[in-house]
Amino acid sequence: MNATIKKNGINFGIIMGVFSILITTLIYAIDVSLFVNPWIGIASIIIYIILGIVLLSKTKKELGSITFKEAFTVYFLAAAIGAVLSVLFNIILFNFIDPSAKETISEMTIQYTVDMLKKFNTPTSAIKETIEKMKETDNYSIPSQLKGLVFSFVFSAIFGAILALIFKNKTTTLE
């Protein structure tokens, strides 16, 4: 692996992970109800997109040109490191430091979902079924967090491939 790709991937991965940890910590410290605020999630995704674009721009500038493989590799490396750091922090926070927070967030998520389903005139029976399924699921358990990490890797691979297609030199072929 190219030294620039490795350095940038690791550095931006740490930046992404620290950003995620800071956001989680701030939300936890300010008001846990913000965990169910969709605008927080949207803002975080936009920031991750911006970080990915900055990462690839910086790497392309440092290398002079970038292939699909190089662009994909540097993005995926950064995204994977960031996701692992974030998930490890969430596992520690919600399973060891404050397990009661995950129960509070789960209750708020159920209430938010019920409110949304009512706005869409969902039948009561469907709402009750959804609530039961949500109560059976612990989204903050270690297995659930690790399962989420796998989905994060898949999403990062897809998004990384799209960004790599955009950033690769136009004269290079897919590798």
N, C-alpha and C. Protein backbone atom coordinates (compact mmCIF):
# COMPACT_ATOMS: atom_id res chain seq x y z
N MET A 1 0.85 -1.17 0.00
CA MET A 1 0.00 0.00 0.00
C MET A 1 0.90 1.24 0.00
N ASN A 2 0.53 2.19 -0.82
CA ASN A 2 1.26 3.45 -0.92
C ASN A 2 1.29 4.16 0.44
N ALA A 3 2.42 4.75 0.79
CA ALA A 3 2.59 5.40 2.09
C ALA A 3 1.62 6.57 2.27
N THR A 4 1.37 7.33 1.21
CA THR A 4 0.44 8.47 1.28
C THR A 4 -0.98 7.98 1.54
N ILE A 5 -1.38 6.93 0.86
CA ILE A 5 -2.71 6.37 1.05
C ILE A 5 -2.86 5.86 2.49
N LYS A 6 -1.85 5.16 2.96
CA LYS A 6 -1.88 4.63 4.32
C LYS A 6 -1.96 5.77 5.34
N LYS A 7 -1.09 6.77 5.19
CA LYS A 7 -1.04 7.91 6.13
C LYS A 7 -2.37 8.67 6.13
N ASN A 8 -2.86 9.02 4.94
CA ASN A 8 -4.12 9.78 4.86
C ASN A 8 -5.30 8.96 5.35
N GLY A 9 -5.34 7.67 5.01
CA GLY A 9 -6.44 6.82 5.46
C GLY A 9 -6.49 6.71 6.97
N ILE A 10 -5.33 6.49 7.57
CA ILE A 10 -5.27 6.38 9.03
C ILE A 10 -5.61 7.72 9.70
N ASN A 11 -5.00 8.80 9.21
CA ASN A 11 -5.25 10.11 9.82
C ASN A 11 -6.72 10.52 9.72
N PHE A 12 -7.31 10.37 8.54
CA PHE A 12 -8.71 10.75 8.39
C PHE A 12 -9.63 9.77 9.11
N GLY A 13 -9.24 8.51 9.22
CA GLY A 13 -10.02 7.55 9.99
C GLY A 13 -10.08 7.94 11.45
N ILE A 14 -8.95 8.37 11.98
CA ILE A 14 -8.92 8.83 13.37
C ILE A 14 -9.77 10.09 13.51
N ILE A 15 -9.68 11.00 12.53
CA ILE A 15 -10.51 12.22 12.57
C ILE A 15 -11.99 11.85 12.56
N MET A 16 -12.38 10.94 11.68
CA MET A 16 -13.79 10.51 11.60
C MET A 16 -14.24 9.86 12.90
N GLY A 17 -13.39 9.01 13.46
CA GLY A 17 -13.74 8.34 14.72
C GLY A 17 -13.87 9.32 15.87
N VAL A 18 -12.91 10.24 15.97
CA VAL A 18 -12.96 11.25 17.04
C VAL A 18 -14.18 12.14 16.87
N PHE A 19 -14.49 12.52 15.62
CA PHE A 19 -15.69 13.33 15.36
C PHE A 19 -16.93 12.61 15.87
N SER A 20 -17.06 11.34 15.53
CA SER A 20 -18.21 10.55 15.95
C SER A 20 -18.29 10.45 17.47
N ILE A 21 -17.15 10.20 18.10
CA ILE A 21 -17.10 10.10 19.56
C ILE A 21 -17.50 11.43 20.20
N LEU A 22 -17.00 12.54 19.65
CA LEU A 22 -17.36 13.86 20.18
C LEU A 22 -18.85 14.14 20.04
N ILE A 23 -19.41 13.83 18.89
CA ILE A 23 -20.85 14.05 18.68
C ILE A 23 -21.66 13.21 19.67
N THR A 24 -21.30 11.94 19.81
CA THR A 24 -22.00 11.06 20.74
C THR A 24 -21.89 11.58 22.17
N THR A 25 -20.69 12.00 22.55
CA THR A 25 -20.47 12.51 23.90
C THR A 25 -21.27 13.79 24.14
N LEU A 26 -21.27 14.69 23.17
CA LEU A 26 -22.03 15.94 23.31
C LEU A 26 -23.53 15.67 23.44
N ILE A 27 -24.04 14.79 22.59
CA ILE A 27 -25.47 14.46 22.66
C ILE A 27 -25.79 13.83 24.00
N TYR A 28 -24.95 12.91 24.43
CA TYR A 28 -25.15 12.24 25.71
C TYR A 28 -25.13 13.26 26.86
N ALA A 29 -24.20 14.21 26.81
CA ALA A 29 -24.05 15.19 27.90
C ALA A 29 -25.15 16.25 27.86
N ILE A 30 -25.57 16.64 26.67
CA ILE A 30 -26.56 17.73 26.54
C ILE A 30 -27.98 17.22 26.79
N ASP A 31 -28.38 16.21 25.98
CA ASP A 31 -29.75 15.70 26.08
C ASP A 31 -29.86 14.42 25.25
N VAL A 32 -30.06 13.29 25.89
CA VAL A 32 -30.11 12.02 25.17
C VAL A 32 -31.24 11.95 24.15
N SER A 33 -32.24 12.81 24.28
CA SER A 33 -33.33 12.81 23.29
C SER A 33 -32.82 13.21 21.91
N LEU A 34 -31.66 13.85 21.85
CA LEU A 34 -31.09 14.23 20.56
C LEU A 34 -30.65 13.00 19.75
N PHE A 35 -30.50 11.86 20.41
CA PHE A 35 -30.15 10.63 19.70
C PHE A 35 -31.26 10.22 18.73
N VAL A 36 -32.49 10.63 18.97
CA VAL A 36 -33.59 10.28 18.07
C VAL A 36 -33.95 11.43 17.13
N ASN A 37 -33.15 12.49 17.14
CA ASN A 37 -33.39 13.62 16.25
C ASN A 37 -32.80 13.32 14.87
N PRO A 38 -33.66 13.22 13.84
CA PRO A 38 -33.14 12.87 12.51
C PRO A 38 -32.19 13.92 11.94
N TRP A 39 -32.33 15.16 12.34
CA TRP A 39 -31.46 16.22 11.81
C TRP A 39 -30.02 16.05 12.27
N ILE A 40 -29.83 15.50 13.44
CA ILE A 40 -28.46 15.22 13.92
C ILE A 40 -27.81 14.18 13.02
N GLY A 41 -28.56 13.14 12.69
CA GLY A 41 -28.06 12.10 11.81
C GLY A 41 -27.75 12.62 10.41
N ILE A 42 -28.64 13.44 9.89
CA ILE A 42 -28.43 14.02 8.56
C ILE A 42 -27.19 14.92 8.56
N ALA A 43 -27.05 15.75 9.59
CA ALA A 43 -25.88 16.63 9.68
C ALA A 43 -24.59 15.82 9.78
N SER A 44 -24.62 14.73 10.53
CA SER A 44 -23.43 13.88 10.65
C SER A 44 -23.06 13.25 9.31
N ILE A 45 -24.05 12.79 8.58
CA ILE A 45 -23.79 12.19 7.26
C ILE A 45 -23.17 13.23 6.32
N ILE A 46 -23.69 14.45 6.34
CA ILE A 46 -23.14 15.51 5.50
C ILE A 46 -21.69 15.78 5.86
N ILE A 47 -21.39 15.81 7.15
CA ILE A 47 -20.00 16.05 7.58
C ILE A 47 -19.10 14.90 7.12
N TYR A 48 -19.58 13.65 7.21
CA TYR A 48 -18.79 12.51 6.74
C TYR A 48 -18.54 12.60 5.23
N ILE A 49 -19.54 13.03 4.48
CA ILE A 49 -19.38 13.21 3.04
C ILE A 49 -18.31 14.26 2.76
N ILE A 50 -18.39 15.37 3.47
CA ILE A 50 -17.39 16.43 3.30
C ILE A 50 -15.99 15.92 3.65
N LEU A 51 -15.87 15.18 4.76
CA LEU A 51 -14.57 14.62 5.14
C LEU A 51 -14.04 13.66 4.06
N GLY A 52 -14.92 12.87 3.48
CA GLY A 52 -14.51 11.96 2.41
C GLY A 52 -14.02 12.71 1.18
N ILE A 53 -14.71 13.78 0.83
CA ILE A 53 -14.30 14.59 -0.32
C ILE A 53 -12.96 15.27 -0.04
N VAL A 54 -12.80 15.81 1.14
CA VAL A 54 -11.53 16.44 1.51
C VAL A 54 -10.40 15.41 1.49
N LEU A 55 -10.66 14.23 2.03
CA LEU A 55 -9.66 13.15 2.05
C LEU A 55 -9.21 12.81 0.63
N LEU A 56 -10.15 12.59 -0.26
CA LEU A 56 -9.79 12.21 -1.61
C LEU A 56 -9.13 13.35 -2.38
N SER A 57 -9.59 14.56 -2.16
CA SER A 57 -8.94 15.71 -2.81
C SER A 57 -7.50 15.85 -2.35
N LYS A 58 -7.29 15.74 -1.06
CA LYS A 58 -5.94 15.85 -0.49
C LYS A 58 -5.04 14.74 -1.02
N THR A 59 -5.54 13.52 -1.03
CA THR A 59 -4.75 12.38 -1.49
C THR A 59 -4.42 12.51 -2.97
N LYS A 60 -5.40 12.91 -3.77
CA LYS A 60 -5.16 13.08 -5.21
C LYS A 60 -4.11 14.16 -5.46
N LYS A 61 -4.20 15.25 -4.69
CA LYS A 61 -3.23 16.33 -4.84
C LYS A 61 -1.83 15.87 -4.47
N GLU A 62 -1.72 15.12 -3.38
CA GLU A 62 -0.41 14.63 -2.93
C GLU A 62 0.20 13.61 -3.89
N LEU A 63 -0.67 12.78 -4.48
CA LEU A 63 -0.17 11.75 -5.40
C LEU A 63 0.03 12.29 -6.82
N GLY A 64 -0.62 13.39 -7.14
CA GLY A 64 -0.57 13.93 -8.50
C GLY A 64 -1.66 13.37 -9.38
N SER A 65 -1.99 12.12 -9.20
CA SER A 65 -3.10 11.46 -9.88
C SER A 65 -3.53 10.31 -8.99
N ILE A 66 -4.75 9.84 -9.23
CA ILE A 66 -5.25 8.77 -8.37
C ILE A 66 -6.08 7.80 -9.19
N THR A 67 -5.85 6.52 -8.97
CA THR A 67 -6.62 5.48 -9.65
C THR A 67 -7.87 5.18 -8.83
N PHE A 68 -8.77 4.42 -9.43
CA PHE A 68 -9.97 3.99 -8.71
C PHE A 68 -9.57 3.22 -7.45
N LYS A 69 -8.64 2.28 -7.61
CA LYS A 69 -8.22 1.44 -6.49
C LYS A 69 -7.64 2.28 -5.36
N GLU A 70 -6.79 3.25 -5.68
CA GLU A 70 -6.19 4.11 -4.65
C GLU A 70 -7.25 4.95 -3.95
N ALA A 71 -8.16 5.54 -4.73
CA ALA A 71 -9.21 6.37 -4.15
C ALA A 71 -10.12 5.53 -3.25
N PHE A 72 -10.50 4.37 -3.73
CA PHE A 72 -11.36 3.50 -2.93
C PHE A 72 -10.65 3.05 -1.66
N THR A 73 -9.40 2.66 -1.79
CA THR A 73 -8.63 2.14 -0.65
C THR A 73 -8.48 3.19 0.44
N VAL A 74 -8.10 4.41 0.07
CA VAL A 74 -7.88 5.44 1.08
C VAL A 74 -9.20 5.80 1.77
N TYR A 75 -10.30 5.87 1.00
CA TYR A 75 -11.58 6.20 1.63
C TYR A 75 -12.04 5.06 2.54
N PHE A 76 -11.98 3.83 2.04
CA PHE A 76 -12.48 2.71 2.84
C PHE A 76 -11.65 2.53 4.11
N LEU A 77 -10.34 2.70 4.01
CA LEU A 77 -9.48 2.60 5.19
C LEU A 77 -9.91 3.62 6.25
N ALA A 78 -10.11 4.86 5.82
CA ALA A 78 -10.52 5.91 6.76
C ALA A 78 -11.90 5.61 7.35
N ALA A 79 -12.84 5.23 6.50
CA ALA A 79 -14.20 4.95 6.97
C ALA A 79 -14.22 3.78 7.95
N ALA A 80 -13.44 2.75 7.65
CA ALA A 80 -13.40 1.57 8.52
C ALA A 80 -12.81 1.91 9.89
N ILE A 81 -11.72 2.67 9.90
CA ILE A 81 -11.11 3.07 11.18
C ILE A 81 -12.08 3.93 11.97
N GLY A 82 -12.70 4.90 11.31
CA GLY A 82 -13.67 5.76 11.98
C GLY A 82 -14.83 4.98 12.56
N ALA A 83 -15.36 4.04 11.79
CA ALA A 83 -16.50 3.24 12.25
C ALA A 83 -16.12 2.36 13.44
N VAL A 84 -14.95 1.75 13.38
CA VAL A 84 -14.51 0.88 14.49
C VAL A 84 -14.36 1.70 15.77
N LEU A 85 -13.73 2.87 15.68
CA LEU A 85 -13.57 3.72 16.86
C LEU A 85 -14.93 4.12 17.43
N SER A 86 -15.84 4.50 16.55
CA SER A 86 -17.18 4.92 16.98
C SER A 86 -17.93 3.78 17.66
N VAL A 87 -17.90 2.61 17.06
CA VAL A 87 -18.62 1.46 17.63
C VAL A 87 -18.01 1.04 18.97
N LEU A 88 -16.69 1.02 19.05
CA LEU A 88 -16.06 0.67 20.33
C LEU A 88 -16.48 1.64 21.43
N PHE A 89 -16.52 2.94 21.11
CA PHE A 89 -16.95 3.92 22.10
C PHE A 89 -18.41 3.68 22.49
N ASN A 90 -19.27 3.44 21.51
CA ASN A 90 -20.69 3.21 21.80
C ASN A 90 -20.88 1.95 22.66
N ILE A 91 -20.12 0.91 22.37
CA ILE A 91 -20.22 -0.31 23.18
C ILE A 91 -19.85 -0.01 24.63
N ILE A 92 -18.77 0.71 24.81
CA ILE A 92 -18.32 1.04 26.17
C ILE A 92 -19.34 1.94 26.87
N LEU A 93 -19.80 2.98 26.17
CA LEU A 93 -20.74 3.93 26.78
C LEU A 93 -22.05 3.27 27.17
N PHE A 94 -22.66 2.54 26.23
CA PHE A 94 -24.02 2.04 26.45
C PHE A 94 -24.09 0.67 27.12
N ASN A 95 -22.97 -0.01 27.27
CA ASN A 95 -23.00 -1.33 27.91
C ASN A 95 -22.24 -1.38 29.21
N PHE A 96 -21.33 -0.41 29.44
CA PHE A 96 -20.53 -0.46 30.66
C PHE A 96 -20.64 0.83 31.48
N ILE A 97 -20.57 1.98 30.83
CA ILE A 97 -20.61 3.24 31.57
C ILE A 97 -22.03 3.58 32.01
N ASP A 98 -22.99 3.55 31.08
CA ASP A 98 -24.37 3.91 31.41
C ASP A 98 -25.37 3.06 30.63
N PRO A 99 -25.57 1.81 31.06
CA PRO A 99 -26.52 0.94 30.37
C PRO A 99 -27.97 1.46 30.40
N SER A 100 -28.30 2.27 31.39
CA SER A 100 -29.67 2.79 31.46
C SER A 100 -29.96 3.79 30.34
N ALA A 101 -28.93 4.40 29.79
CA ALA A 101 -29.13 5.37 28.70
C ALA A 101 -29.72 4.69 27.48
N LYS A 102 -29.29 3.46 27.21
CA LYS A 102 -29.81 2.78 26.02
C LYS A 102 -31.29 2.46 26.18
N GLU A 103 -31.72 2.20 27.40
CA GLU A 103 -33.14 1.95 27.63
C GLU A 103 -33.96 3.22 27.44
N THR A 104 -33.42 4.34 27.91
CA THR A 104 -34.09 5.64 27.73
C THR A 104 -34.20 5.97 26.25
N ILE A 105 -33.11 5.79 25.52
CA ILE A 105 -33.10 6.09 24.08
C ILE A 105 -34.06 5.16 23.34
N SER A 106 -34.10 3.91 23.72
CA SER A 106 -35.01 2.96 23.09
C SER A 106 -36.47 3.37 23.30
N GLU A 107 -36.81 3.80 24.50
CA GLU A 107 -38.17 4.28 24.78
C GLU A 107 -38.50 5.51 23.94
N MET A 108 -37.54 6.43 23.82
CA MET A 108 -37.76 7.63 23.00
C MET A 108 -37.90 7.27 21.53
N THR A 109 -37.14 6.28 21.09
CA THR A 109 -37.21 5.85 19.69
C THR A 109 -38.58 5.24 19.41
N ILE A 110 -39.07 4.44 20.33
CA ILE A 110 -40.40 3.84 20.17
C ILE A 110 -41.45 4.94 20.09
N GLN A 111 -41.38 5.91 20.99
CA GLN A 111 -42.36 7.00 20.98
C GLN A 111 -42.29 7.80 19.68
N TYR A 112 -41.08 8.08 19.22
CA TYR A 112 -40.90 8.82 17.97
C TYR A 112 -41.49 8.03 16.80
N THR A 113 -41.23 6.72 16.78
CA THR A 113 -41.75 5.87 15.71
C THR A 113 -43.28 5.83 15.74
N VAL A 114 -43.85 5.69 16.92
CA VAL A 114 -45.31 5.67 17.05
C VAL A 114 -45.89 6.99 16.52
N ASP A 115 -45.30 8.10 16.90
CA ASP A 115 -45.79 9.40 16.43
C ASP A 115 -45.73 9.50 14.91
N MET A 116 -44.63 9.02 14.33
CA MET A 116 -44.49 9.06 12.87
C MET A 116 -45.51 8.15 12.19
N LEU A 117 -45.70 6.95 12.74
CA LEU A 117 -46.66 6.02 12.15
C LEU A 117 -48.08 6.57 12.22
N LYS A 118 -48.42 7.24 13.32
CA LYS A 118 -49.74 7.86 13.45
C LYS A 118 -49.94 8.96 12.43
N LYS A 119 -48.88 9.74 12.17
CA LYS A 119 -48.96 10.82 11.17
C LYS A 119 -49.27 10.25 9.79
N PHE A 120 -48.81 9.02 9.52
CA PHE A 120 -49.04 8.39 8.23
C PHE A 120 -50.28 7.49 8.24
N ASN A 121 -51.12 7.65 9.29
CA ASN A 121 -52.37 6.90 9.42
C ASN A 121 -52.17 5.39 9.33
N THR A 122 -51.13 4.91 9.98
CA THR A 122 -50.84 3.48 10.03
C THR A 122 -51.87 2.82 10.94
N PRO A 123 -52.40 1.67 10.55
CA PRO A 123 -53.39 0.97 11.39
C PRO A 123 -52.80 0.66 12.78
N THR A 124 -53.66 0.71 13.78
CA THR A 124 -53.25 0.47 15.16
C THR A 124 -52.58 -0.89 15.32
N SER A 125 -53.11 -1.90 14.64
CA SER A 125 -52.53 -3.25 14.76
C SER A 125 -51.07 -3.25 14.26
N ALA A 126 -50.79 -2.53 13.19
CA ALA A 126 -49.43 -2.46 12.65
C ALA A 126 -48.52 -1.70 13.61
N ILE A 127 -49.05 -0.67 14.24
CA ILE A 127 -48.27 0.11 15.21
C ILE A 127 -47.91 -0.78 16.40
N LYS A 128 -48.89 -1.53 16.91
CA LYS A 128 -48.64 -2.43 18.05
C LYS A 128 -47.60 -3.48 17.70
N GLU A 129 -47.68 -4.03 16.51
CA GLU A 129 -46.72 -5.04 16.07
C GLU A 129 -45.30 -4.44 15.98
N THR A 130 -45.23 -3.24 15.47
CA THR A 130 -43.93 -2.54 15.36
C THR A 130 -43.34 -2.29 16.74
N ILE A 131 -44.18 -1.85 17.67
CA ILE A 131 -43.73 -1.58 19.04
C ILE A 131 -43.18 -2.86 19.68
N GLU A 132 -43.89 -3.97 19.51
CA GLU A 132 -43.44 -5.24 20.09
C GLU A 132 -42.08 -5.66 19.54
N LYS A 133 -41.92 -5.52 18.23
CA LYS A 133 -40.63 -5.87 17.62
C LYS A 133 -39.52 -4.96 18.14
N MET A 134 -39.82 -3.69 18.29
CA MET A 134 -38.81 -2.73 18.78
C MET A 134 -38.43 -3.03 20.22
N LYS A 135 -39.40 -3.44 21.03
CA LYS A 135 -39.12 -3.76 22.43
C LYS A 135 -38.25 -5.01 22.57
N GLU A 136 -38.34 -5.91 21.60
CA GLU A 136 -37.55 -7.14 21.63
C GLU A 136 -36.09 -6.91 21.20
N THR A 137 -35.83 -5.77 20.59
CA THR A 137 -34.50 -5.51 20.02
C THR A 137 -33.72 -4.53 20.88
N ASP A 138 -32.49 -4.90 21.20
CA ASP A 138 -31.59 -4.02 21.93
C ASP A 138 -30.54 -3.51 20.93
N ASN A 139 -30.81 -2.34 20.35
CA ASN A 139 -29.94 -1.78 19.33
C ASN A 139 -28.55 -1.42 19.84
N TYR A 140 -28.40 -1.34 21.14
CA TYR A 140 -27.11 -0.94 21.72
C TYR A 140 -26.35 -2.10 22.35
N SER A 141 -26.86 -3.32 22.19
CA SER A 141 -26.14 -4.47 22.71
C SER A 141 -24.86 -4.65 21.89
N ILE A 142 -23.92 -5.38 22.43
CA ILE A 142 -22.65 -5.60 21.72
C ILE A 142 -22.89 -6.30 20.38
N PRO A 143 -23.68 -7.38 20.33
CA PRO A 143 -23.92 -8.01 19.01
C PRO A 143 -24.60 -7.06 18.01
N SER A 144 -25.55 -6.26 18.48
CA SER A 144 -26.22 -5.32 17.58
C SER A 144 -25.26 -4.25 17.08
N GLN A 145 -24.38 -3.78 17.97
CA GLN A 145 -23.39 -2.78 17.57
C GLN A 145 -22.43 -3.37 16.53
N LEU A 146 -22.01 -4.61 16.72
CA LEU A 146 -21.10 -5.25 15.78
C LEU A 146 -21.79 -5.52 14.44
N LYS A 147 -23.06 -5.87 14.50
CA LYS A 147 -23.85 -6.05 13.27
C LYS A 147 -23.96 -4.71 12.53
N GLY A 148 -24.17 -3.64 13.28
CA GLY A 148 -24.20 -2.30 12.68
C GLY A 148 -22.87 -1.93 12.05
N LEU A 149 -21.79 -2.38 12.66
CA LEU A 149 -20.46 -2.12 12.12
C LEU A 149 -20.30 -2.78 10.75
N VAL A 150 -20.81 -4.01 10.62
CA VAL A 150 -20.74 -4.70 9.33
C VAL A 150 -21.52 -3.92 8.28
N PHE A 151 -22.72 -3.45 8.62
CA PHE A 151 -23.51 -2.64 7.69
C PHE A 151 -22.78 -1.34 7.35
N SER A 152 -22.09 -0.77 8.32
CA SER A 152 -21.31 0.43 8.07
C SER A 152 -20.20 0.15 7.06
N PHE A 153 -19.55 -0.99 7.18
CA PHE A 153 -18.52 -1.38 6.21
C PHE A 153 -19.11 -1.49 4.80
N VAL A 154 -20.29 -2.10 4.70
CA VAL A 154 -20.94 -2.27 3.39
C VAL A 154 -21.30 -0.91 2.81
N PHE A 155 -21.92 -0.05 3.61
CA PHE A 155 -22.29 1.29 3.15
C PHE A 155 -21.04 2.07 2.75
N SER A 156 -19.98 1.96 3.54
CA SER A 156 -18.73 2.66 3.24
C SER A 156 -18.12 2.16 1.94
N ALA A 157 -18.23 0.87 1.69
CA ALA A 157 -17.70 0.32 0.44
C ALA A 157 -18.46 0.86 -0.76
N ILE A 158 -19.78 0.91 -0.64
CA ILE A 158 -20.60 1.44 -1.73
C ILE A 158 -20.30 2.92 -1.96
N PHE A 159 -20.32 3.69 -0.88
CA PHE A 159 -20.06 5.12 -0.99
C PHE A 159 -18.62 5.37 -1.45
N GLY A 160 -17.69 4.58 -0.96
CA GLY A 160 -16.29 4.70 -1.36
C GLY A 160 -16.12 4.44 -2.85
N ALA A 161 -16.85 3.46 -3.38
CA ALA A 161 -16.78 3.16 -4.81
C ALA A 161 -17.31 4.33 -5.64
N ILE A 162 -18.39 4.93 -5.18
CA ILE A 162 -18.95 6.09 -5.88
C ILE A 162 -17.96 7.25 -5.87
N LEU A 163 -17.41 7.55 -4.69
CA LEU A 163 -16.42 8.64 -4.61
C LEU A 163 -15.19 8.32 -5.45
N ALA A 164 -14.75 7.07 -5.43
CA ALA A 164 -13.57 6.69 -6.20
C ALA A 164 -13.81 6.89 -7.70
N LEU A 165 -15.02 6.58 -8.16
CA LEU A 165 -15.35 6.81 -9.56
C LEU A 165 -15.30 8.29 -9.91
N ILE A 166 -15.74 9.12 -8.98
CA ILE A 166 -15.74 10.57 -9.21
C ILE A 166 -14.32 11.12 -9.20
N PHE A 167 -13.48 10.65 -8.29
CA PHE A 167 -12.16 11.24 -8.09
C PHE A 167 -11.05 10.62 -8.93
N LYS A 168 -11.25 9.43 -9.45
CA LYS A 168 -10.17 8.79 -10.22
C LYS A 168 -9.85 9.64 -11.44
N ASN A 169 -8.62 9.52 -11.91
CA ASN A 169 -8.24 10.23 -13.14
C ASN A 169 -9.09 9.70 -14.28
N LYS A 170 -9.52 10.57 -15.12
CA LYS A 170 -10.43 10.20 -16.20
C LYS A 170 -9.78 9.26 -17.20
N THR A 171 -8.46 9.28 -17.30
CA THR A 171 -7.76 8.45 -18.29
C THR A 171 -7.40 7.08 -17.75
N THR A 172 -7.57 6.85 -16.46
CA THR A 172 -7.23 5.55 -15.89
C THR A 172 -8.39 4.59 -16.05
N THR A 173 -8.09 3.33 -15.99
CA THR A 173 -9.15 2.31 -16.06
C THR A 173 -9.36 1.76 -14.66
N LEU A 174 -10.48 1.09 -14.51
CA LEU A 174 -10.76 0.47 -13.21
C LEU A 174 -9.73 -0.61 -12.95
N GLU A 175 -9.26 -0.69 -11.74
CA GLU A 175 -8.26 -1.70 -11.39
C GLU A 175 -8.84 -2.67 -10.40
